[in-house]
Amino acid sequence: MEEIDRRIVSLLARDGRMSFTDLAKETGLSVSAVHQRVRRLEKRGVIRGYAALVDYDEIGLPLTAFISIKPIDPAAPDDAPIRLSHITAIEACHSVAGDESYILKVRVASPIALEELLQQIRASANVSTRTTIVLSTPYDYRSPEVEPGQAGGDAER
């Protein structure tokens, strides 16, 4: 990946609504060149989309938890993500190494809602759970700076 593309990705990761004009100013490119590069990055899948950062407290989902799951029957098919995909309280599902098979990030309204969600997860996927409740989030949505050689390796070729 070219250095200028890394810069564009880094800028958009921090502010997905940054205008092509502002991107051009920050990168020293013309507006049309920035537009072409952004479209090419989108087409390649480097930029997969743009999203709003939501204040979950304000929409009634103040409780965040991480739920580690593992199958009750180790011989059962590894299909928990499919079995749980209909549960909208699950924000993310990560396959992990270690004792558990997956870690789920969930957002709910209350401890009672979390307890109900845990029952739903256990019943839907036939898994055991281990839950960690988030007390506070000092930072979130951090955008890593893309260093030369990290993305695609072009700098080392």
C-alpha atoms as a PDB file:
ATOM      1  CA  MET A   1       0.000   0.000   0.000  1.00  0.00           C
ATOM      2  CA  GLU A   2       1.352   3.418  -0.897  1.00  0.00           C
ATOM      3  CA  GLU A   3       2.162   5.887   1.872  1.00  0.00           C
ATOM      4  CA  ILE A   4      -0.442   8.384   0.614  1.00  0.00           C
ATOM      5  CA  ASP A   5      -3.140   5.693   0.758  1.00  0.00           C
ATOM      6  CA  ARG A   6      -2.075   4.875   4.328  1.00  0.00           C
ATOM      7  CA  ARG A   7      -2.492   8.542   5.187  1.00  0.00           C
ATOM      8  CA  ILE A   8      -5.969   8.669   3.636  1.00  0.00           C
ATOM      9  CA  VAL A   9      -7.022   5.526   5.521  1.00  0.00           C
ATOM     10  CA  SER A  10      -5.699   6.925   8.790  1.00  0.00           C
ATOM     11  CA  LEU A  11      -7.531  10.235   8.299  1.00  0.00           C
ATOM     12  CA  LEU A  12     -10.822   8.547   7.402  1.00  0.00           C
ATOM     13  CA  ALA A  13     -10.507   6.098  10.305  1.00  0.00           C
ATOM     14  CA  ARG A  14     -10.420   9.106  12.651  1.00  0.00           C
ATOM     15  CA  ASP A  15     -13.182  11.010  10.838  1.00  0.00           C
ATOM     16  CA  GLY A  16     -15.239   9.010   8.335  1.00  0.00           C
ATOM     17  CA  ARG A  17     -17.122  12.177   7.346  1.00  0.00           C
ATOM     18  CA  MET A  18     -14.011  14.115   6.330  1.00  0.00           C
ATOM     19  CA  SER A  19     -14.694  15.803   2.997  1.00  0.00           C
ATOM     20  CA  PHE A  20     -12.643  15.147  -0.121  1.00  0.00           C
ATOM     21  CA  THR A  21     -11.587  18.806   0.064  1.00  0.00           C
ATOM     22  CA  ASP A  22     -10.228  18.375   3.604  1.00  0.00           C
ATOM     23  CA  LEU A  23      -8.557  15.093   2.660  1.00  0.00           C
ATOM     24  CA  ALA A  24      -6.913  16.869  -0.277  1.00  0.00           C
ATOM     25  CA  LYS A  25      -5.601  19.621   2.040  1.00  0.00           C
ATOM     26  CA  GLU A  26      -4.228  17.066   4.501  1.00  0.00           C
ATOM     27  CA  THR A  27      -2.519  14.948   1.837  1.00  0.00           C
ATOM     28  CA  GLY A  28      -1.418  17.576  -0.662  1.00  0.00           C
ATOM     29  CA  LEU A  29      -3.358  15.914  -3.475  1.00  0.00           C
ATOM     30  CA  SER A  30      -6.059  17.379  -5.687  1.00  0.00           C
ATOM     31  CA  VAL A  31      -9.676  16.756  -4.744  1.00  0.00           C
ATOM     32  CA  SER A  32     -10.176  14.528  -7.804  1.00  0.00           C
ATOM     33  CA  ALA A  33      -7.040  12.485  -6.983  1.00  0.00           C
ATOM     34  CA  VAL A  34      -8.249  11.960  -3.411  1.00  0.00           C
ATOM     35  CA  HIS A  35     -11.696  10.976  -4.679  1.00  0.00           C
ATOM     36  CA  GLN A  36     -10.166   8.389  -7.038  1.00  0.00           C
ATOM     37  CA  ARG A  37      -7.926   6.971  -4.318  1.00  0.00           C
ATOM     38  CA  VAL A  38     -10.792   6.696  -1.809  1.00  0.00           C
ATOM     39  CA  ARG A  39     -12.997   4.933  -4.370  1.00  0.00           C
ATOM     40  CA  ARG A  40     -10.139   2.550  -5.207  1.00  0.00           C
ATOM     41  CA  LEU A  41      -9.592   1.823  -1.484  1.00  0.00           C
ATOM     42  CA  GLU A  42     -13.323   1.132  -1.119  1.00  0.00           C
ATOM     43  CA  LYS A  43     -13.345  -1.138  -4.168  1.00  0.00           C
ATOM     44  CA  ARG A  44     -10.342  -3.098  -2.832  1.00  0.00           C
ATOM     45  CA  GLY A  45     -12.109  -3.555   0.502  1.00  0.00           C
ATOM     46  CA  VAL A  46      -9.530  -1.586   2.481  1.00  0.00           C
ATOM     47  CA  ILE A  47     -12.303   0.829   3.435  1.00  0.00           C
ATOM     48  CA  ARG A  48     -15.289  -1.409   4.144  1.00  0.00           C
ATOM     49  CA  GLY A  49     -17.797   1.260   5.108  1.00  0.00           C
ATOM     50  CA  TYR A  50     -18.586   4.239   7.276  1.00  0.00           C
ATOM     51  CA  ALA A  51     -20.451   4.177  10.566  1.00  0.00           C
ATOM     52  CA  ALA A  52     -21.874   6.483  13.202  1.00  0.00           C
ATOM     53  CA  LEU A  53     -20.358   6.314  16.678  1.00  0.00           C
ATOM     54  CA  VAL A  54     -23.326   5.790  18.981  1.00  0.00           C
ATOM     55  CA  ASP A  55     -23.671   6.762  22.638  1.00  0.00           C
ATOM     56  CA  TYR A  56     -25.218   3.532  23.885  1.00  0.00           C
ATOM     57  CA  ASP A  57     -26.213   5.067  27.229  1.00  0.00           C
ATOM     58  CA  GLU A  58     -28.384   7.554  25.338  1.00  0.00           C
ATOM     59  CA  ILE A  59     -30.234   4.808  23.446  1.00  0.00           C
ATOM     60  CA  GLY A  60     -30.940   2.732  26.538  1.00  0.00           C
ATOM     61  CA  LEU A  61     -28.137   0.151  26.293  1.00  0.00           C
ATOM     62  CA  PRO A  62     -25.720   1.198  29.037  1.00  0.00           C
ATOM     63  CA  LEU A  63     -24.476  -2.266  30.005  1.00  0.00           C
ATOM     64  CA  THR A  64     -21.656  -3.751  27.916  1.00  0.00           C
ATOM     65  CA  ALA A  65     -20.351  -7.248  28.582  1.00  0.00           C
ATOM     66  CA  PHE A  66     -18.017  -9.792  27.043  1.00  0.00           C
ATOM     67  CA  ILE A  67     -19.331 -13.341  27.042  1.00  0.00           C
ATOM     68  CA  SER A  68     -16.924 -16.198  26.449  1.00  0.00           C
ATOM     69  CA  ILE A  69     -18.627 -19.311  25.103  1.00  0.00           C
ATOM     70  CA  LYS A  70     -17.626 -22.911  24.527  1.00  0.00           C
ATOM     71  CA  PRO A  71     -19.689 -25.862  23.379  1.00  0.00           C
ATOM     72  CA  ILE A  72     -21.113 -28.134  26.055  1.00  0.00           C
ATOM     73  CA  ASP A  73     -20.362 -31.067  23.728  1.00  0.00           C
ATOM     74  CA  PRO A  74     -16.869 -30.658  22.230  1.00  0.00           C
ATOM     75  CA  ALA A  75     -17.814 -33.085  19.448  1.00  0.00           C
ATOM     76  CA  ALA A  76     -20.709 -30.859  18.326  1.00  0.00           C
ATOM     77  CA  PRO A  77     -20.351 -28.848  15.090  1.00  0.00           C
ATOM     78  CA  ASP A  78     -18.654 -25.456  15.433  1.00  0.00           C
ATOM     79  CA  ASP A  79     -21.725 -23.460  14.369  1.00  0.00           C
ATOM     80  CA  ALA A  80     -22.292 -21.112  17.314  1.00  0.00           C
ATOM     81  CA  PRO A  81     -21.896 -17.916  15.230  1.00  0.00           C
ATOM     82  CA  ILE A  82     -24.636 -19.098  12.873  1.00  0.00           C
ATOM     83  CA  ARG A  83     -26.897 -20.177  15.741  1.00  0.00           C
ATOM     84  CA  LEU A  84     -26.453 -16.789  17.440  1.00  0.00           C
ATOM     85  CA  SER A  85     -26.621 -14.494  14.414  1.00  0.00           C
ATOM     86  CA  HIS A  86     -30.297 -13.668  15.033  1.00  0.00           C
ATOM     87  CA  ILE A  87     -29.582 -12.175  18.475  1.00  0.00           C
ATOM     88  CA  THR A  88     -29.280  -8.438  17.904  1.00  0.00           C
ATOM     89  CA  ALA A  89     -27.816  -7.700  21.348  1.00  0.00           C
ATOM     90  CA  ILE A  90     -24.600  -9.375  20.161  1.00  0.00           C
ATOM     91  CA  GLU A  91     -22.507  -6.586  18.666  1.00  0.00           C
ATOM     92  CA  ALA A  92     -19.471  -8.714  17.768  1.00  0.00           C
ATOM     93  CA  CYS A  93     -18.425 -12.349  17.721  1.00  0.00           C
ATOM     94  CA  HIS A  94     -14.705 -13.166  17.813  1.00  0.00           C
ATOM     95  CA  SER A  95     -13.201 -16.626  17.300  1.00  0.00           C
ATOM     96  CA  VAL A  96     -10.431 -16.985  19.876  1.00  0.00           C
ATOM     97  CA  ALA A  97      -7.648 -19.306  20.972  1.00  0.00           C
ATOM     98  CA  GLY A  98      -7.753 -20.656  24.517  1.00  0.00           C
ATOM     99  CA  ASP A  99     -10.326 -22.442  26.636  1.00  0.00           C
ATOM    100  CA  GLU A 100     -13.305 -20.742  25.017  1.00  0.00           C
ATOM    101  CA  SER A 101     -14.237 -20.890  21.347  1.00  0.00           C
ATOM    102  CA  TYR A 102     -15.696 -17.403  20.920  1.00  0.00           C
ATOM    103  CA  ILE A 103     -15.979 -14.116  22.756  1.00  0.00           C
ATOM    104  CA  LEU A 104     -19.145 -12.105  22.226  1.00  0.00           C
ATOM    105  CA  LYS A 105     -19.455  -8.379  22.831  1.00  0.00           C
ATOM    106  CA  VAL A 106     -22.988  -7.553  23.905  1.00  0.00           C
ATOM    107  CA  ARG A 107     -24.951  -4.436  24.874  1.00  0.00           C
ATOM    108  CA  VAL A 108     -28.097  -4.592  26.968  1.00  0.00           C
ATOM    109  CA  ALA A 109     -30.304  -2.339  29.075  1.00  0.00           C
ATOM    110  CA  SER A 110     -29.814  -3.919  32.510  1.00  0.00           C
ATOM    111  CA  PRO A 111     -28.434  -6.833  34.513  1.00  0.00           C
ATOM    112  CA  ILE A 112     -31.810  -8.543  34.173  1.00  0.00           C
ATOM    113  CA  ALA A 113     -31.626  -8.155  30.396  1.00  0.00           C
ATOM    114  CA  LEU A 114     -28.095  -9.621  30.503  1.00  0.00           C
ATOM    115  CA  GLU A 115     -29.348 -12.616  32.474  1.00  0.00           C
ATOM    116  CA  GLU A 116     -32.110 -13.184  29.889  1.00  0.00           C
ATOM    117  CA  LEU A 117     -29.591 -12.823  27.058  1.00  0.00           C
ATOM    118  CA  LEU A 118     -27.294 -15.395  28.656  1.00  0.00           C
ATOM    119  CA  GLN A 119     -30.183 -17.876  28.841  1.00  0.00           C
ATOM    120  CA  GLN A 120     -30.989 -17.188  25.184  1.00  0.00           C
ATOM    121  CA  ILE A 121     -27.354 -17.694  24.124  1.00  0.00           C
ATOM    122  CA  ARG A 122     -27.040 -20.944  26.076  1.00  0.00           C
ATOM    123  CA  ALA A 123     -30.278 -22.325  24.644  1.00  0.00           C
ATOM    124  CA  SER A 124     -29.631 -21.203  21.053  1.00  0.00           C
ATOM    125  CA  ALA A 125     -26.080 -22.517  20.730  1.00  0.00           C
ATOM    126  CA  ASN A 126     -25.861 -25.245  23.409  1.00  0.00           C
ATOM    127  CA  VAL A 127     -22.852 -23.558  25.007  1.00  0.00           C
ATOM    128  CA  SER A 128     -21.553 -22.725  28.445  1.00  0.00           C
ATOM    129  CA  THR A 129     -20.790 -19.082  29.179  1.00  0.00           C
ATOM    130  CA  ARG A 130     -18.394 -16.964  31.229  1.00  0.00           C
ATOM    131  CA  THR A 131     -19.303 -13.289  31.484  1.00  0.00           C
ATOM    132  CA  THR A 132     -17.259 -10.164  32.163  1.00  0.00           C
ATOM    133  CA  ILE A 133     -19.177  -6.912  32.691  1.00  0.00           C
ATOM    134  CA  VAL A 134     -17.552  -3.668  31.557  1.00  0.00           C
ATOM    135  CA  LEU A 135     -17.366  -1.099  34.361  1.00  0.00           C
ATOM    136  CA  SER A 136     -16.001   1.751  32.239  1.00  0.00           C
ATOM    137  CA  THR A 137     -14.357   2.299  28.864  1.00  0.00           C
ATOM    138  CA  PRO A 138     -11.443   4.746  29.079  1.00  0.00           C
ATOM    139  CA  TYR A 139     -11.161   4.708  25.283  1.00  0.00           C
ATOM    140  CA  ASP A 140     -12.810   2.988  22.361  1.00  0.00           C
ATOM    141  CA  TYR A 141     -12.906   3.352  18.580  1.00  0.00           C
ATOM    142  CA  ARG A 142      -9.178   3.981  18.394  1.00  0.00           C
ATOM    143  CA  SER A 143      -7.771   4.196  14.909  1.00  0.00           C
ATOM    144  CA  PRO A 144      -4.291   2.770  14.574  1.00  0.00           C
ATOM    145  CA  GLU A 145      -1.765   4.710  12.567  1.00  0.00           C
ATOM    146  CA  VAL A 146      -0.872   2.572   9.572  1.00  0.00           C
ATOM    147  CA  GLU A 147       2.919   2.398   9.499  1.00  0.00           C
ATOM    148  CA  PRO A 148       4.892   1.710   6.309  1.00  0.00           C
ATOM    149  CA  GLY A 149       5.254  -2.030   5.822  1.00  0.00           C
ATOM    150  CA  GLN A 150       2.222  -2.913   7.969  1.00  0.00           C
ATOM    151  CA  ALA A 151      -0.535  -2.872   5.371  1.00  0.00           C
ATOM    152  CA  GLY A 152       0.086  -4.938   2.290  1.00  0.00           C
ATOM    153  CA  GLY A 153       3.857  -4.849   2.606  1.00  0.00           C
ATOM    154  CA  ASP A 154       4.506  -2.645  -0.471  1.00  0.00           C
ATOM    155  CA  ALA A 155       7.164  -0.696   1.406  1.00  0.00           C
ATOM    156  CA  GLU A 156       9.266  -3.839   1.766  1.00  0.00           C
ATOM    157  CA  ARG A 157       8.985  -5.011  -1.827  1.00  0.00           C
END
